[in-house]
């Protein structure tokens, strides 16, 4: 099975999720450090659809100015555009496999798609 994690090494939950993936036998793992390789809007929409989330539900408020910028009330396209421009607005970590995508908070949510 193939899996991709959009990873932030500074995030404890992201590191824990990555550890679970690395310990999973037979997993072909791709790691995308999204702060260095930002998301594009198409990828964000695919991940949100696969996880059953809206962009606002995947919006990271802690440590960002997203709320002050009005993103919590903005239209879906505006939130996605802001996330594509500034990947720190995306909650973390996202993992995608052929079984779907999940926002892995807590990290044990990754088991749902393994």
N, C-alpha and C. Protein backbone atom coordinates (compact mmCIF):
# COMPACT_ATOMS: atom_id res chain seq x y z
N UNK A 1 0.85 -1.18 0.00
CA UNK A 1 0.00 0.00 0.00
C UNK A 1 0.89 1.24 0.00
N UNK A 2 0.46 2.26 -0.74
CA UNK A 2 1.16 3.54 -0.77
C UNK A 2 0.49 4.50 0.20
N UNK A 3 1.31 5.33 0.82
CA UNK A 3 0.80 6.37 1.72
C UNK A 3 1.64 7.62 1.54
N UNK A 4 0.98 8.75 1.66
CA UNK A 4 1.67 10.03 1.65
C UNK A 4 1.27 10.78 2.90
N UNK A 5 2.26 11.32 3.60
CA UNK A 5 2.01 12.18 4.75
C UNK A 5 2.51 13.57 4.41
N UNK A 6 1.64 14.56 4.68
CA UNK A 6 2.05 15.96 4.59
C UNK A 6 2.48 16.32 6.00
N UNK A 7 3.78 16.47 6.17
CA UNK A 7 4.46 16.41 7.46
C UNK A 7 5.09 17.75 7.83
N UNK A 8 5.03 18.04 9.12
CA UNK A 8 5.77 19.17 9.69
C UNK A 8 6.62 18.59 10.81
N UNK A 9 7.96 18.53 10.62
CA UNK A 9 8.82 17.92 11.63
C UNK A 9 8.77 18.61 12.99
N UNK A 10 8.32 19.86 13.05
CA UNK A 10 8.24 20.58 14.32
C UNK A 10 6.99 20.22 15.12
N UNK A 11 6.08 19.46 14.54
CA UNK A 11 4.80 19.12 15.17
C UNK A 11 4.87 17.72 15.79
N UNK A 12 4.58 17.63 17.06
CA UNK A 12 4.61 16.34 17.75
C UNK A 12 3.61 15.35 17.20
N UNK A 13 2.40 15.78 16.89
CA UNK A 13 1.40 14.87 16.34
C UNK A 13 1.83 14.37 14.97
N UNK A 14 2.43 15.25 14.18
CA UNK A 14 2.93 14.83 12.87
C UNK A 14 4.06 13.81 13.02
N UNK A 15 4.95 14.03 13.97
CA UNK A 15 6.05 13.07 14.20
C UNK A 15 5.51 11.73 14.67
N UNK A 16 4.50 11.73 15.53
CA UNK A 16 3.91 10.48 16.02
C UNK A 16 3.20 9.73 14.89
N UNK A 17 2.50 10.48 14.04
CA UNK A 17 1.83 9.86 12.89
C UNK A 17 2.85 9.27 11.94
N UNK A 18 3.92 9.99 11.68
CA UNK A 18 4.99 9.49 10.81
C UNK A 18 5.59 8.21 11.39
N UNK A 19 5.79 8.16 12.70
CA UNK A 19 6.34 6.96 13.33
C UNK A 19 5.43 5.75 13.11
N UNK A 20 4.12 5.95 13.24
CA UNK A 20 3.17 4.86 12.99
C UNK A 20 3.33 4.37 11.56
N UNK A 21 3.39 5.30 10.62
CA UNK A 21 3.51 4.93 9.21
C UNK A 21 4.83 4.18 8.95
N UNK A 22 5.91 4.66 9.54
CA UNK A 22 7.21 4.02 9.33
C UNK A 22 7.27 2.63 9.92
N UNK A 23 6.46 2.36 10.94
CA UNK A 23 6.43 1.04 11.58
C UNK A 23 5.44 0.09 10.92
N UNK A 24 4.70 0.56 9.92
CA UNK A 24 3.70 -0.26 9.25
C UNK A 24 4.38 -1.10 8.18
N UNK A 25 4.36 -2.43 8.32
CA UNK A 25 5.04 -3.29 7.34
C UNK A 25 4.45 -3.15 5.94
N UNK A 26 5.31 -3.16 4.95
CA UNK A 26 4.90 -3.17 3.56
C UNK A 26 4.36 -1.85 3.03
N UNK A 27 4.52 -0.78 3.78
CA UNK A 27 3.99 0.52 3.36
C UNK A 27 5.04 1.25 2.51
N UNK A 28 4.62 1.71 1.35
CA UNK A 28 5.45 2.53 0.47
C UNK A 28 5.13 3.98 0.83
N UNK A 29 6.00 4.62 1.60
CA UNK A 29 5.71 5.91 2.23
C UNK A 29 6.40 7.06 1.50
N UNK A 30 5.62 8.09 1.21
CA UNK A 30 6.15 9.36 0.70
C UNK A 30 5.93 10.41 1.77
N UNK A 31 6.94 11.21 2.02
CA UNK A 31 6.88 12.26 3.03
C UNK A 31 7.01 13.60 2.31
N UNK A 32 6.01 14.45 2.49
CA UNK A 32 6.04 15.79 1.91
C UNK A 32 6.12 16.78 3.07
N UNK A 33 7.22 17.49 3.17
CA UNK A 33 7.32 18.56 4.17
C UNK A 33 6.66 19.78 3.55
N UNK A 34 5.39 19.95 3.88
CA UNK A 34 4.55 20.91 3.17
C UNK A 34 4.95 22.37 3.37
N UNK A 35 5.73 22.67 4.40
CA UNK A 35 6.20 24.04 4.55
C UNK A 35 7.32 24.35 3.55
N UNK A 36 8.01 23.29 3.08
CA UNK A 36 9.04 23.45 2.05
C UNK A 36 8.47 23.23 0.65
N UNK A 37 7.49 22.34 0.54
CA UNK A 37 6.81 21.98 -0.71
C UNK A 37 5.33 22.24 -0.52
N UNK A 38 4.89 23.49 -0.66
CA UNK A 38 3.49 23.82 -0.33
C UNK A 38 2.46 23.07 -1.17
N UNK A 39 1.29 22.96 -0.60
CA UNK A 39 0.14 22.36 -1.27
C UNK A 39 -0.25 23.24 -2.46
N UNK A 40 -0.88 22.62 -3.45
CA UNK A 40 -1.60 23.40 -4.44
C UNK A 40 -3.09 23.23 -4.13
N UNK A 41 -3.90 24.09 -4.71
CA UNK A 41 -5.33 24.08 -4.40
C UNK A 41 -5.99 22.75 -4.74
N UNK A 42 -5.58 22.13 -5.84
CA UNK A 42 -6.17 20.85 -6.25
C UNK A 42 -5.89 19.76 -5.21
N UNK A 43 -4.66 19.71 -4.72
CA UNK A 43 -4.30 18.72 -3.69
C UNK A 43 -5.11 18.96 -2.43
N UNK A 44 -5.23 20.21 -2.02
CA UNK A 44 -6.01 20.51 -0.82
C UNK A 44 -7.46 20.04 -0.98
N UNK A 45 -8.05 20.35 -2.11
CA UNK A 45 -9.45 19.93 -2.33
C UNK A 45 -9.59 18.41 -2.30
N UNK A 46 -8.62 17.70 -2.90
CA UNK A 46 -8.66 16.23 -2.91
C UNK A 46 -8.54 15.68 -1.49
N UNK A 47 -7.61 16.23 -0.71
CA UNK A 47 -7.44 15.76 0.67
C UNK A 47 -8.69 16.03 1.50
N UNK A 48 -9.24 17.22 1.37
CA UNK A 48 -10.44 17.55 2.16
C UNK A 48 -11.61 16.66 1.77
N UNK A 49 -11.79 16.43 0.49
CA UNK A 49 -12.87 15.54 0.03
C UNK A 49 -12.66 14.13 0.56
N UNK A 50 -11.43 13.63 0.47
CA UNK A 50 -11.12 12.28 0.95
C UNK A 50 -11.30 12.11 2.44
N UNK A 51 -11.11 13.21 3.18
CA UNK A 51 -11.26 13.17 4.63
C UNK A 51 -12.66 13.57 5.09
N UNK A 52 -13.50 14.00 4.13
CA UNK A 52 -14.84 14.43 4.49
C UNK A 52 -14.88 15.73 5.28
N UNK A 53 -13.96 16.64 4.97
CA UNK A 53 -13.85 17.90 5.68
C UNK A 53 -14.04 19.08 4.72
N UNK A 54 -14.49 20.17 5.26
CA UNK A 54 -14.46 21.42 4.50
C UNK A 54 -13.10 22.07 4.75
N UNK A 55 -12.77 23.04 3.94
CA UNK A 55 -11.51 23.76 4.15
C UNK A 55 -11.51 24.44 5.52
N UNK A 56 -12.63 24.99 5.91
CA UNK A 56 -12.69 25.65 7.23
C UNK A 56 -12.47 24.66 8.37
N UNK A 57 -12.94 23.42 8.19
CA UNK A 57 -12.73 22.41 9.23
C UNK A 57 -11.25 22.00 9.32
N UNK A 58 -10.51 22.20 8.24
CA UNK A 58 -9.10 21.84 8.20
C UNK A 58 -8.20 23.05 8.44
N UNK A 59 -8.78 24.16 8.81
CA UNK A 59 -8.05 25.41 9.01
C UNK A 59 -7.36 25.41 10.36
N UNK A 60 -6.07 25.68 10.33
CA UNK A 60 -5.31 25.75 11.59
C UNK A 60 -5.42 27.16 12.15
N UNK A 61 -5.93 27.27 13.36
CA UNK A 61 -6.07 28.56 14.01
C UNK A 61 -4.90 28.84 14.96
N UNK A 62 -4.49 27.80 15.66
CA UNK A 62 -3.42 27.96 16.64
C UNK A 62 -2.11 28.36 15.95
N UNK A 63 -1.53 29.45 16.41
CA UNK A 63 -0.26 29.90 15.88
C UNK A 63 -0.34 30.59 14.53
N UNK A 64 -1.55 30.92 14.08
CA UNK A 64 -1.72 31.62 12.80
C UNK A 64 -2.61 32.85 13.01
N UNK A 65 -2.69 33.66 11.98
CA UNK A 65 -3.59 34.82 12.01
C UNK A 65 -4.86 34.55 11.20
N UNK A 66 -5.18 33.27 11.02
CA UNK A 66 -6.32 32.89 10.18
C UNK A 66 -7.63 33.51 10.68
N UNK A 67 -7.85 33.49 11.97
CA UNK A 67 -9.09 34.05 12.50
C UNK A 67 -9.12 35.55 12.31
N UNK A 68 -8.01 36.23 12.57
CA UNK A 68 -7.95 37.68 12.41
C UNK A 68 -8.17 38.09 10.95
N UNK A 69 -7.76 37.24 10.03
CA UNK A 69 -7.93 37.51 8.59
C UNK A 69 -9.34 37.15 8.10
N UNK A 70 -10.17 36.65 9.00
CA UNK A 70 -11.55 36.34 8.64
C UNK A 70 -11.73 35.01 7.92
N UNK A 71 -10.72 34.15 7.96
CA UNK A 71 -10.81 32.88 7.23
C UNK A 71 -11.82 31.92 7.83
N UNK A 72 -12.14 32.07 9.10
CA UNK A 72 -13.13 31.18 9.72
C UNK A 72 -14.53 31.43 9.19
N UNK A 73 -14.75 32.58 8.56
CA UNK A 73 -16.06 32.92 7.99
C UNK A 73 -16.01 33.02 6.47
N UNK A 74 -14.84 32.81 5.89
CA UNK A 74 -14.67 33.00 4.44
C UNK A 74 -15.26 31.83 3.65
N UNK A 75 -15.50 32.09 2.38
CA UNK A 75 -15.99 31.06 1.47
C UNK A 75 -14.91 30.00 1.25
N UNK A 76 -15.34 28.81 0.88
CA UNK A 76 -14.44 27.67 0.69
C UNK A 76 -13.27 28.00 -0.24
N UNK A 77 -13.56 28.61 -1.39
CA UNK A 77 -12.50 28.93 -2.34
C UNK A 77 -11.49 29.90 -1.76
N UNK A 78 -11.94 30.86 -0.98
CA UNK A 78 -11.03 31.82 -0.35
C UNK A 78 -10.14 31.15 0.67
N UNK A 79 -10.69 30.21 1.43
CA UNK A 79 -9.89 29.49 2.43
C UNK A 79 -8.85 28.62 1.73
N UNK A 80 -9.25 27.90 0.70
CA UNK A 80 -8.31 27.06 -0.05
C UNK A 80 -7.20 27.92 -0.65
N UNK A 81 -7.55 29.06 -1.22
CA UNK A 81 -6.54 29.95 -1.81
C UNK A 81 -5.56 30.44 -0.74
N UNK A 82 -6.08 30.79 0.44
CA UNK A 82 -5.20 31.24 1.52
C UNK A 82 -4.28 30.11 1.98
N UNK A 83 -4.80 28.90 2.04
CA UNK A 83 -3.99 27.74 2.44
C UNK A 83 -2.91 27.44 1.40
N UNK A 84 -3.25 27.56 0.13
CA UNK A 84 -2.26 27.32 -0.92
C UNK A 84 -1.16 28.38 -0.87
N UNK A 85 -1.52 29.61 -0.51
CA UNK A 85 -0.55 30.69 -0.42
C UNK A 85 0.28 30.61 0.86
N UNK A 86 -0.32 30.07 1.92
CA UNK A 86 0.37 29.98 3.21
C UNK A 86 0.03 28.63 3.85
N UNK A 87 0.87 27.60 3.63
CA UNK A 87 0.54 26.25 4.11
C UNK A 87 0.45 26.13 5.63
N UNK A 88 0.90 27.12 6.36
CA UNK A 88 0.76 27.07 7.82
C UNK A 88 -0.71 27.13 8.23
N UNK A 89 -1.60 27.55 7.33
CA UNK A 89 -3.03 27.59 7.63
C UNK A 89 -3.69 26.21 7.59
N UNK A 90 -2.97 25.20 7.14
CA UNK A 90 -3.55 23.86 7.04
C UNK A 90 -3.23 23.09 8.32
N UNK A 91 -4.27 22.56 8.95
CA UNK A 91 -4.06 21.73 10.14
C UNK A 91 -3.25 20.51 9.74
N UNK A 92 -2.57 19.92 10.66
CA UNK A 92 -1.64 18.83 10.35
C UNK A 92 -1.76 17.69 11.33
N UNK A 93 -1.30 16.53 10.87
CA UNK A 93 -0.85 16.13 9.54
C UNK A 93 -1.97 15.48 8.74
N UNK A 94 -1.92 15.63 7.45
CA UNK A 94 -2.80 14.89 6.55
C UNK A 94 -2.06 13.68 6.04
N UNK A 95 -2.78 12.55 5.94
CA UNK A 95 -2.24 11.31 5.35
C UNK A 95 -3.25 10.84 4.33
N UNK A 96 -2.72 10.35 3.19
CA UNK A 96 -3.58 9.84 2.13
C UNK A 96 -3.09 8.46 1.71
N UNK A 97 -4.02 7.52 1.58
CA UNK A 97 -3.76 6.19 1.03
C UNK A 97 -4.87 5.91 0.02
N UNK A 98 -4.84 4.73 -0.59
CA UNK A 98 -5.93 4.40 -1.51
C UNK A 98 -7.26 4.22 -0.78
N UNK A 99 -7.25 4.14 0.55
CA UNK A 99 -8.47 4.02 1.33
C UNK A 99 -9.06 5.38 1.71
N UNK A 100 -8.39 6.46 1.33
CA UNK A 100 -8.90 7.80 1.63
C UNK A 100 -7.83 8.68 2.24
N UNK A 101 -8.30 9.77 2.81
CA UNK A 101 -7.41 10.73 3.46
C UNK A 101 -7.94 10.99 4.86
N UNK A 102 -7.04 11.35 5.74
CA UNK A 102 -7.43 11.70 7.11
C UNK A 102 -6.57 12.83 7.62
N UNK A 103 -7.20 13.71 8.39
CA UNK A 103 -6.48 14.64 9.22
C UNK A 103 -6.20 13.86 10.49
N UNK A 104 -4.96 13.56 10.74
CA UNK A 104 -4.60 12.62 11.81
C UNK A 104 -4.35 13.33 13.13
N UNK A 105 -5.43 13.92 13.64
CA UNK A 105 -5.44 14.51 14.98
C UNK A 105 -6.60 13.87 15.72
N UNK A 106 -6.38 12.98 16.63
CA UNK A 106 -5.09 12.47 17.08
C UNK A 106 -4.46 11.52 16.05
N UNK A 107 -3.22 11.19 16.30
CA UNK A 107 -2.44 10.39 15.34
C UNK A 107 -3.05 9.01 15.08
N UNK A 108 -3.80 8.47 16.00
CA UNK A 108 -4.40 7.14 15.80
C UNK A 108 -5.44 7.11 14.69
N UNK A 109 -5.90 8.27 14.22
CA UNK A 109 -6.85 8.32 13.10
C UNK A 109 -6.24 7.72 11.84
N UNK A 110 -4.90 7.68 11.77
CA UNK A 110 -4.25 7.12 10.58
C UNK A 110 -4.62 5.66 10.38
N UNK A 111 -4.90 4.94 11.45
CA UNK A 111 -5.25 3.51 11.33
C UNK A 111 -6.52 3.31 10.50
N UNK A 112 -7.39 4.32 10.42
CA UNK A 112 -8.63 4.21 9.66
C UNK A 112 -8.38 4.02 8.17
N UNK A 113 -7.20 4.41 7.68
CA UNK A 113 -6.92 4.32 6.25
C UNK A 113 -5.73 3.42 5.94
N UNK A 114 -5.32 2.62 6.92
CA UNK A 114 -4.23 1.66 6.68
C UNK A 114 -4.79 0.27 6.46
